[in-house]
Amino acid sequence: MTFRELHTPVRYPAWQREYEAAVLELDPGKLHGLLMNARAAIARRLESLKHENLPDERAAIANAMIFLRLLARGAAEEKNFFRNEAS
């Protein structure tokens, strides 16, 4: 199966591509920057949604933010684990 076959359709172009880039990144050295990009894209979208009632997108954003926090926490724990192993 190719990446294109695994790639989901883009329902929320204002932030979904940045989110997927962070979620799919395998290089720990690139992850922090991609997490920041995803969070910034979501923040911009939330700002533009202030006066719009789009419950499906808001729910998708809430889920994405939870997953980004978990991903960041996991990356930090892994980094600390390897730092402690090296000591």
PDB file of N, CA and C in Angstrom:
ATOM      1  N   MET A   1       0.849  -1.177   0.000  1.00  0.00           N
ATOM      2  CA  MET A   1       0.000   0.000   0.000  1.00  0.00           C
ATOM      3  C   MET A   1       0.894   1.241   0.000  1.00  0.00           C
ATOM      4  N   THR A   2       0.580   2.188  -0.826  1.00  0.00           N
ATOM      5  CA  THR A   2       1.391   3.396  -0.945  1.00  0.00           C
ATOM      6  C   THR A   2       0.875   4.480   0.006  1.00  0.00           C
ATOM      7  N   PHE A   3       1.708   5.505   0.194  1.00  0.00           N
ATOM      8  CA  PHE A   3       1.312   6.638   1.027  1.00  0.00           C
ATOM      9  C   PHE A   3       0.032   7.265   0.498  1.00  0.00           C
ATOM     10  N   ARG A   4      -0.065   7.391  -0.825  1.00  0.00           N
ATOM     11  CA  ARG A   4      -1.251   8.012  -1.420  1.00  0.00           C
ATOM     12  C   ARG A   4      -2.516   7.231  -1.064  1.00  0.00           C
ATOM     13  N   GLU A   5      -2.421   5.915  -0.996  1.00  0.00           N
ATOM     14  CA  GLU A   5      -3.577   5.101  -0.645  1.00  0.00           C
ATOM     15  C   GLU A   5      -3.936   5.251   0.834  1.00  0.00           C
ATOM     16  N   LEU A   6      -2.944   5.494   1.671  1.00  0.00           N
ATOM     17  CA  LEU A   6      -3.191   5.661   3.096  1.00  0.00           C
ATOM     18  C   LEU A   6      -3.660   7.065   3.438  1.00  0.00           C
ATOM     19  N   HIS A   7      -3.310   8.022   2.621  1.00  0.00           N
ATOM     20  CA  HIS A   7      -3.602   9.423   2.884  1.00  0.00           C
ATOM     21  C   HIS A   7      -5.108   9.672   2.856  1.00  0.00           C
ATOM     22  N   THR A   8      -5.603  10.316   3.896  1.00  0.00           N
ATOM     23  CA  THR A   8      -7.026  10.613   3.966  1.00  0.00           C
ATOM     24  C   THR A   8      -7.362  11.847   3.134  1.00  0.00           C
ATOM     25  N   PRO A   9      -8.601  11.952   2.677  1.00  0.00           N
ATOM     26  CA  PRO A   9      -8.991  13.163   1.951  1.00  0.00           C
ATOM     27  C   PRO A   9      -8.903  14.378   2.880  1.00  0.00           C
ATOM     28  N   VAL A  10      -8.641  15.509   2.307  1.00  0.00           N
ATOM     29  CA  VAL A  10      -8.501  16.731   3.099  1.00  0.00           C
ATOM     30  C   VAL A  10      -9.872  17.382   3.231  1.00  0.00           C
ATOM     31  N   ARG A  11     -10.459  17.247   4.417  1.00  0.00           N
ATOM     32  CA  ARG A  11     -11.744  17.890   4.697  1.00  0.00           C
ATOM     33  C   ARG A  11     -11.543  19.305   5.210  1.00  0.00           C
ATOM     34  N   TYR A  12     -10.402  19.525   5.882  1.00  0.00           N
ATOM     35  CA  TYR A  12     -10.153  20.810   6.534  1.00  0.00           C
ATOM     36  C   TYR A  12      -8.791  21.348   6.087  1.00  0.00           C
ATOM     37  N   PRO A  13      -8.730  21.908   4.884  1.00  0.00           N
ATOM     38  CA  PRO A  13      -7.435  22.320   4.319  1.00  0.00           C
ATOM     39  C   PRO A  13      -6.726  23.413   5.109  1.00  0.00           C
ATOM     40  N   ALA A  14      -7.423  24.152   5.927  1.00  0.00           N
ATOM     41  CA  ALA A  14      -6.790  25.238   6.681  1.00  0.00           C
ATOM     42  C   ALA A  14      -5.793  24.721   7.718  1.00  0.00           C
ATOM     43  N   TRP A  15      -5.921  23.452   8.127  1.00  0.00           N
ATOM     44  CA  TRP A  15      -5.025  22.931   9.161  1.00  0.00           C
ATOM     45  C   TRP A  15      -4.694  21.448   9.024  1.00  0.00           C
ATOM     46  N   GLN A  16      -5.450  20.695   8.262  1.00  0.00           N
ATOM     47  CA  GLN A  16      -5.290  19.242   8.227  1.00  0.00           C
ATOM     48  C   GLN A  16      -3.943  18.784   7.667  1.00  0.00           C
ATOM     49  N   ARG A  17      -3.442  19.433   6.655  1.00  0.00           N
ATOM     50  CA  ARG A  17      -2.153  19.006   6.076  1.00  0.00           C
ATOM     51  C   ARG A  17      -1.012  19.157   7.090  1.00  0.00           C
ATOM     52  N   GLU A  18      -1.011  20.266   7.814  1.00  0.00           N
ATOM     53  CA  GLU A  18       0.019  20.483   8.824  1.00  0.00           C
ATOM     54  C   GLU A  18      -0.100  19.456   9.950  1.00  0.00           C
ATOM     55  N   TYR A  19      -1.338  19.171  10.331  1.00  0.00           N
ATOM     56  CA  TYR A  19      -1.586  18.164  11.367  1.00  0.00           C
ATOM     57  C   TYR A  19      -1.073  16.796  10.915  1.00  0.00           C
ATOM     58  N   GLU A  20      -1.425  16.393   9.708  1.00  0.00           N
ATOM     59  CA  GLU A  20      -0.989  15.096   9.199  1.00  0.00           C
ATOM     60  C   GLU A  20       0.527  15.019   9.061  1.00  0.00           C
ATOM     61  N   ALA A  21       1.156  16.117   8.686  1.00  0.00           N
ATOM     62  CA  ALA A  21       2.616  16.115   8.566  1.00  0.00           C
ATOM     63  C   ALA A  21       3.250  15.795   9.913  1.00  0.00           C
ATOM     64  N   ALA A  22       2.718  16.356  10.987  1.00  0.00           N
ATOM     65  CA  ALA A  22       3.255  16.081  12.324  1.00  0.00           C
ATOM     66  C   ALA A  22       2.973  14.640  12.736  1.00  0.00           C
ATOM     67  N   VAL A  23       1.765  14.188  12.505  1.00  0.00           N
ATOM     68  CA  VAL A  23       1.370  12.842  12.924  1.00  0.00           C
ATOM     69  C   VAL A  23       2.159  11.771  12.176  1.00  0.00           C
ATOM     70  N   LEU A  24       2.471  12.018  10.934  1.00  0.00           N
ATOM     71  CA  LEU A  24       3.144  11.008  10.116  1.00  0.00           C
ATOM     72  C   LEU A  24       4.668  11.089  10.161  1.00  0.00           C
ATOM     73  N   GLU A  25       5.218  12.102  10.844  1.00  0.00           N
ATOM     74  CA  GLU A  25       6.676  12.266  10.878  1.00  0.00           C
ATOM     75  C   GLU A  25       7.343  11.177  11.714  1.00  0.00           C
ATOM     76  N   LEU A  26       8.351  10.562  11.142  1.00  0.00           N
ATOM     77  CA  LEU A  26       9.105   9.513  11.828  1.00  0.00           C
ATOM     78  C   LEU A  26      10.425  10.007  12.391  1.00  0.00           C
ATOM     79  N   ASP A  27      10.894  11.147  11.934  1.00  0.00           N
ATOM     80  CA  ASP A  27      12.177  11.693  12.376  1.00  0.00           C
ATOM     81  C   ASP A  27      11.951  12.563  13.614  1.00  0.00           C
ATOM     82  N   PRO A  28      12.425  12.107  14.781  1.00  0.00           N
ATOM     83  CA  PRO A  28      12.221  12.886  16.000  1.00  0.00           C
ATOM     84  C   PRO A  28      12.815  14.292  15.921  1.00  0.00           C
ATOM     85  N   GLY A  29      13.839  14.482  15.123  1.00  0.00           N
ATOM     86  CA  GLY A  29      14.453  15.790  14.981  1.00  0.00           C
ATOM     87  C   GLY A  29      13.562  16.801  14.267  1.00  0.00           C
ATOM     88  N   LYS A  30      12.649  16.322  13.480  1.00  0.00           N
ATOM     89  CA  LYS A  30      11.740  17.212  12.739  1.00  0.00           C
ATOM     90  C   LYS A  30      10.400  17.400  13.441  1.00  0.00           C
ATOM     91  N   LEU A  31      10.102  16.536  14.399  1.00  0.00           N
ATOM     92  CA  LEU A  31       8.768  16.516  14.986  1.00  0.00           C
ATOM     93  C   LEU A  31       8.397  17.821  15.689  1.00  0.00           C
ATOM     94  N   HIS A  32       9.295  18.390  16.474  1.00  0.00           N
ATOM     95  CA  HIS A  32       8.966  19.605  17.227  1.00  0.00           C
ATOM     96  C   HIS A  32       8.491  20.728  16.293  1.00  0.00           C
ATOM     97  N   GLY A  33       9.217  20.965  15.229  1.00  0.00           N
ATOM     98  CA  GLY A  33       8.830  22.017  14.287  1.00  0.00           C
ATOM     99  C   GLY A  33       7.494  21.742  13.628  1.00  0.00           C
ATOM    100  N   LEU A  34       7.246  20.491  13.297  1.00  0.00           N
ATOM    101  CA  LEU A  34       5.972  20.140  12.673  1.00  0.00           C
ATOM    102  C   LEU A  34       4.813  20.251  13.658  1.00  0.00           C
ATOM    103  N   LEU A  35       5.061  19.920  14.913  1.00  0.00           N
ATOM    104  CA  LEU A  35       4.028  20.113  15.937  1.00  0.00           C
ATOM    105  C   LEU A  35       3.690  21.593  16.081  1.00  0.00           C
ATOM    106  N   MET A  36       4.708  22.424  16.072  1.00  0.00           N
ATOM    107  CA  MET A  36       4.484  23.872  16.167  1.00  0.00           C
ATOM    108  C   MET A  36       3.688  24.381  14.963  1.00  0.00           C
ATOM    109  N   ASN A  37       4.033  23.904  13.773  1.00  0.00           N
ATOM    110  CA  ASN A  37       3.306  24.308  12.558  1.00  0.00           C
ATOM    111  C   ASN A  37       1.844  23.894  12.640  1.00  0.00           C
ATOM    112  N   ALA A  38       1.598  22.672  13.093  1.00  0.00           N
ATOM    113  CA  ALA A  38       0.224  22.173  13.189  1.00  0.00           C
ATOM    114  C   ALA A  38      -0.572  22.992  14.197  1.00  0.00           C
ATOM    115  N   ARG A  39       0.018  23.248  15.344  1.00  0.00           N
ATOM    116  CA  ARG A  39      -0.675  24.042  16.374  1.00  0.00           C
ATOM    117  C   ARG A  39      -0.965  25.456  15.872  1.00  0.00           C
ATOM    118  N   ALA A  40      -0.031  26.045  15.158  1.00  0.00           N
ATOM    119  CA  ALA A  40      -0.236  27.393  14.628  1.00  0.00           C
ATOM    120  C   ALA A  40      -1.352  27.406  13.590  1.00  0.00           C
ATOM    121  N   ALA A  41      -1.387  26.406  12.718  1.00  0.00           N
ATOM    122  CA  ALA A  41      -2.446  26.322  11.696  1.00  0.00           C
ATOM    123  C   ALA A  41      -3.805  26.162  12.357  1.00  0.00           C
ATOM    124  N   ILE A  42      -3.869  25.336  13.401  1.00  0.00           N
ATOM    125  CA  ILE A  42      -5.133  25.135  14.117  1.00  0.00           C
ATOM    126  C   ILE A  42      -5.540  26.421  14.833  1.00  0.00           C
ATOM    127  N   ALA A  43      -4.602  27.097  15.439  1.00  0.00           N
ATOM    128  CA  ALA A  43      -4.919  28.363  16.128  1.00  0.00           C
ATOM    129  C   ALA A  43      -5.464  29.399  15.150  1.00  0.00           C
ATOM    130  N   ARG A  44      -4.839  29.490  13.969  1.00  0.00           N
ATOM    131  CA  ARG A  44      -5.345  30.431  12.951  1.00  0.00           C
ATOM    132  C   ARG A  44      -6.776  30.068  12.544  1.00  0.00           C
ATOM    133  N   ARG A  45      -7.010  28.768  12.380  1.00  0.00           N
ATOM    134  CA  ARG A  45      -8.354  28.334  11.980  1.00  0.00           C
ATOM    135  C   ARG A  45      -9.367  28.609  13.082  1.00  0.00           C
ATOM    136  N   LEU A  46      -9.009  28.356  14.316  1.00  0.00           N
ATOM    137  CA  LEU A  46      -9.933  28.640  15.423  1.00  0.00           C
ATOM    138  C   LEU A  46     -10.265  30.123  15.480  1.00  0.00           C
ATOM    139  N   GLU A  47      -9.280  30.957  15.218  1.00  0.00           N
ATOM    140  CA  GLU A  47      -9.533  32.404  15.186  1.00  0.00           C
ATOM    141  C   GLU A  47     -10.553  32.747  14.098  1.00  0.00           C
ATOM    142  N   SER A  48     -10.412  32.116  12.938  1.00  0.00           N
ATOM    143  CA  SER A  48     -11.345  32.410  11.843  1.00  0.00           C
ATOM    144  C   SER A  48     -12.721  31.776  12.065  1.00  0.00           C
ATOM    145  N   LEU A  49     -12.811  30.815  12.978  1.00  0.00           N
ATOM    146  CA  LEU A  49     -14.092  30.153  13.267  1.00  0.00           C
ATOM    147  C   LEU A  49     -14.868  30.818  14.404  1.00  0.00           C
ATOM    148  N   LYS A  50     -14.351  31.895  14.944  1.00  0.00           N
ATOM    149  CA  LYS A  50     -14.976  32.518  16.117  1.00  0.00           C
ATOM    150  C   LYS A  50     -16.471  32.743  15.949  1.00  0.00           C
ATOM    151  N   HIS A  51     -16.888  33.141  14.781  1.00  0.00           N
ATOM    152  CA  HIS A  51     -18.292  33.497  14.569  1.00  0.00           C
ATOM    153  C   HIS A  51     -19.007  32.523  13.646  1.00  0.00           C
ATOM    154  N   GLU A  52     -18.431  31.343  13.475  1.00  0.00           N
ATOM    155  CA  GLU A  52     -19.060  30.330  12.618  1.00  0.00           C
ATOM    156  C   GLU A  52     -19.437  29.123  13.462  1.00  0.00           C
ATOM    157  N   ASN A  53     -20.538  28.510  13.113  1.00  0.00           N
ATOM    158  CA  ASN A  53     -20.995  27.322  13.815  1.00  0.00           C
ATOM    159  C   ASN A  53     -20.723  26.103  12.938  1.00  0.00           C
ATOM    160  N   LEU A  54     -19.560  25.511  13.111  1.00  0.00           N
ATOM    161  CA  LEU A  54     -19.165  24.320  12.364  1.00  0.00           C
ATOM    162  C   LEU A  54     -18.778  23.236  13.370  1.00  0.00           C
ATOM    163  N   PRO A  55     -19.772  22.573  13.966  1.00  0.00           N
ATOM    164  CA  PRO A  55     -19.482  21.624  15.044  1.00  0.00           C
ATOM    165  C   PRO A  55     -18.602  20.444  14.617  1.00  0.00           C
ATOM    166  N   ASP A  56     -18.728  19.985  13.383  1.00  0.00           N
ATOM    167  CA  ASP A  56     -17.901  18.858  12.937  1.00  0.00           C
ATOM    168  C   ASP A  56     -16.420  19.246  12.900  1.00  0.00           C
ATOM    169  N   GLU A  57     -16.136  20.430  12.371  1.00  0.00           N
ATOM    170  CA  GLU A  57     -14.742  20.858  12.317  1.00  0.00           C
ATOM    171  C   GLU A  57     -14.216  21.165  13.712  1.00  0.00           C
ATOM    172  N   ARG A  58     -15.028  21.760  14.543  1.00  0.00           N
ATOM    173  CA  ARG A  58     -14.584  22.033  15.914  1.00  0.00           C
ATOM    174  C   ARG A  58     -14.265  20.730  16.657  1.00  0.00           C
ATOM    175  N   ALA A  59     -15.070  19.704  16.448  1.00  0.00           N
ATOM    176  CA  ALA A  59     -14.812  18.405  17.076  1.00  0.00           C
ATOM    177  C   ALA A  59     -13.523  17.796  16.517  1.00  0.00           C
ATOM    178  N   ALA A  60     -13.316  17.921  15.210  1.00  0.00           N
ATOM    179  CA  ALA A  60     -12.087  17.408  14.599  1.00  0.00           C
ATOM    180  C   ALA A  60     -10.868  18.143  15.151  1.00  0.00           C
ATOM    181  N   ILE A  61     -10.981  19.439  15.344  1.00  0.00           N
ATOM    182  CA  ILE A  61      -9.886  20.230  15.911  1.00  0.00           C
ATOM    183  C   ILE A  61      -9.611  19.801  17.352  1.00  0.00           C
ATOM    184  N   ALA A  62     -10.666  19.606  18.132  1.00  0.00           N
ATOM    185  CA  ALA A  62     -10.473  19.176  19.525  1.00  0.00           C
ATOM    186  C   ALA A  62      -9.746  17.835  19.567  1.00  0.00           C
ATOM    187  N   ASN A  63     -10.149  16.907  18.730  1.00  0.00           N
ATOM    188  CA  ASN A  63      -9.480  15.601  18.675  1.00  0.00           C
ATOM    189  C   ASN A  63      -8.032  15.741  18.219  1.00  0.00           C
ATOM    190  N   ALA A  64      -7.806  16.578  17.219  1.00  0.00           N
ATOM    191  CA  ALA A  64      -6.448  16.787  16.711  1.00  0.00           C
ATOM    192  C   ALA A  64      -5.550  17.386  17.792  1.00  0.00           C
ATOM    193  N   MET A  65      -6.060  18.343  18.543  1.00  0.00           N
ATOM    194  CA  MET A  65      -5.262  18.969  19.595  1.00  0.00           C
ATOM    195  C   MET A  65      -4.910  17.962  20.697  1.00  0.00           C
ATOM    196  N   ILE A  66      -5.848  17.096  21.044  1.00  0.00           N
ATOM    197  CA  ILE A  66      -5.558  16.055  22.033  1.00  0.00           C
ATOM    198  C   ILE A  66      -4.436  15.160  21.520  1.00  0.00           C
ATOM    199  N   PHE A  67      -4.543  14.742  20.275  1.00  0.00           N
ATOM    200  CA  PHE A  67      -3.532  13.851  19.725  1.00  0.00           C
ATOM    201  C   PHE A  67      -2.173  14.540  19.618  1.00  0.00           C
ATOM    202  N   LEU A  68      -2.155  15.814  19.250  1.00  0.00           N
ATOM    203  CA  LEU A  68      -0.887  16.543  19.177  1.00  0.00           C
ATOM    204  C   LEU A  68      -0.233  16.647  20.554  1.00  0.00           C
ATOM    205  N   ARG A  69      -1.048  16.882  21.593  1.00  0.00           N
ATOM    206  CA  ARG A  69      -0.498  16.922  22.950  1.00  0.00           C
ATOM    207  C   ARG A  69       0.093  15.572  23.340  1.00  0.00           C
ATOM    208  N   LEU A  70      -0.617  14.489  23.022  1.00  0.00           N
ATOM    209  CA  LEU A  70      -0.107  13.151  23.329  1.00  0.00           C
ATOM    210  C   LEU A  70       1.174  12.861  22.558  1.00  0.00           C
ATOM    211  N   LEU A  71       1.207  13.264  21.307  1.00  0.00           N
ATOM    212  CA  LEU A  71       2.389  13.050  20.478  1.00  0.00           C
ATOM    213  C   LEU A  71       3.581  13.824  21.038  1.00  0.00           C
ATOM    214  N   ALA A  72       3.354  15.071  21.425  1.00  0.00           N
ATOM    215  CA  ALA A  72       4.423  15.890  21.997  1.00  0.00           C
ATOM    216  C   ALA A  72       4.903  15.298  23.318  1.00  0.00           C
ATOM    217  N   ARG A  73       3.976  14.852  24.143  1.00  0.00           N
ATOM    218  CA  ARG A  73       4.344  14.258  25.427  1.00  0.00           C
ATOM    219  C   ARG A  73       5.157  12.981  25.208  1.00  0.00           C
ATOM    220  N   GLY A  74       4.712  12.156  24.276  1.00  0.00           N
ATOM    221  CA  GLY A  74       5.443  10.926  23.972  1.00  0.00           C
ATOM    222  C   GLY A  74       6.837  11.209  23.458  1.00  0.00           C
ATOM    223  N   ALA A  75       6.969  12.210  22.609  1.00  0.00           N
ATOM    224  CA  ALA A  75       8.282  12.569  22.068  1.00  0.00           C
ATOM    225  C   ALA A  75       9.190  13.077  23.182  1.00  0.00           C
ATOM    226  N   ALA A  76       8.645  13.863  24.099  1.00  0.00           N
ATOM    227  CA  ALA A  76       9.443  14.379  25.215  1.00  0.00           C
ATOM    228  C   ALA A  76       9.878  13.248  26.130  1.00  0.00           C
ATOM    229  N   GLU A  77       8.969  12.317  26.411  1.00  0.00           N
ATOM    230  CA  GLU A  77       9.315  11.184  27.261  1.00  0.00           C
ATOM    231  C   GLU A  77      10.384  10.317  26.607  1.00  0.00           C
ATOM    232  N   GLU A  78      10.270  10.102  25.307  1.00  0.00           N
ATOM    233  CA  GLU A  78      11.270   9.307  24.595  1.00  0.00           C
ATOM    234  C   GLU A  78      12.632  10.002  24.635  1.00  0.00           C
ATOM    235  N   LYS A  79      12.621  11.309  24.442  1.00  0.00           N
ATOM    236  CA  LYS A  79      13.869  12.072  24.472  1.00  0.00           C
ATOM    237  C   LYS A  79      14.517  11.967  25.854  1.00  0.00           C
ATOM    238  N   ASN A  80      13.696  12.114  26.907  1.00  0.00           N
ATOM    239  CA  ASN A  80      14.217  12.000  28.269  1.00  0.00           C
ATOM    240  C   ASN A  80      14.712  10.594  28.565  1.00  0.00           C
ATOM    241  N   PHE A  81      14.025   9.594  28.065  1.00  0.00           N
ATOM    242  CA  PHE A  81      14.434   8.213  28.266  1.00  0.00           C
ATOM    243  C   PHE A  81      15.819   7.991  27.690  1.00  0.00           C
ATOM    244  N   PHE A  82      16.013   8.413  26.453  1.00  0.00           N
ATOM    245  CA  PHE A  82      17.308   8.196  25.817  1.00  0.00           C
ATOM    246  C   PHE A  82      18.396   9.059  26.449  1.00  0.00           C
ATOM    247  N   ARG A  83      18.033  10.234  26.927  1.00  0.00           N
ATOM    248  CA  ARG A  83      19.000  11.090  27.618  1.00  0.00           C
ATOM    249  C   ARG A  83      19.451  10.409  28.906  1.00  0.00           C
ATOM    250  N   ASN A  84      18.512   9.817  29.647  1.00  0.00           N
ATOM    251  CA  ASN A  84      18.855   9.130  30.894  1.00  0.00           C
ATOM    252  C   ASN A  84      19.647   7.851  30.638  1.00  0.00           C
ATOM    253  N   GLU A  85      19.350   7.175  29.557  1.00  0.00           N
ATOM    254  CA  GLU A  85      20.089   5.949  29.202  1.00  0.00           C
ATOM    255  C   GLU A  85      21.544   6.268  28.873  1.00  0.00           C
ATOM    256  N   ALA A  86      21.772   7.427  28.286  1.00  0.00           N
ATOM    257  CA  ALA A  86      23.125   7.811  27.885  1.00  0.00           C
ATOM    258  C   ALA A  86      23.974   8.238  29.082  1.00  0.00           C
ATOM    259  N   SER A  87      23.312   8.626  30.169  1.00  0.00           N
ATOM    260  CA  SER A  87      24.034   9.100  31.366  1.00  0.00           C
ATOM    261  C   SER A  87      24.677   7.970  32.126  1.00  0.00           C
TER     262      SER A  87
END
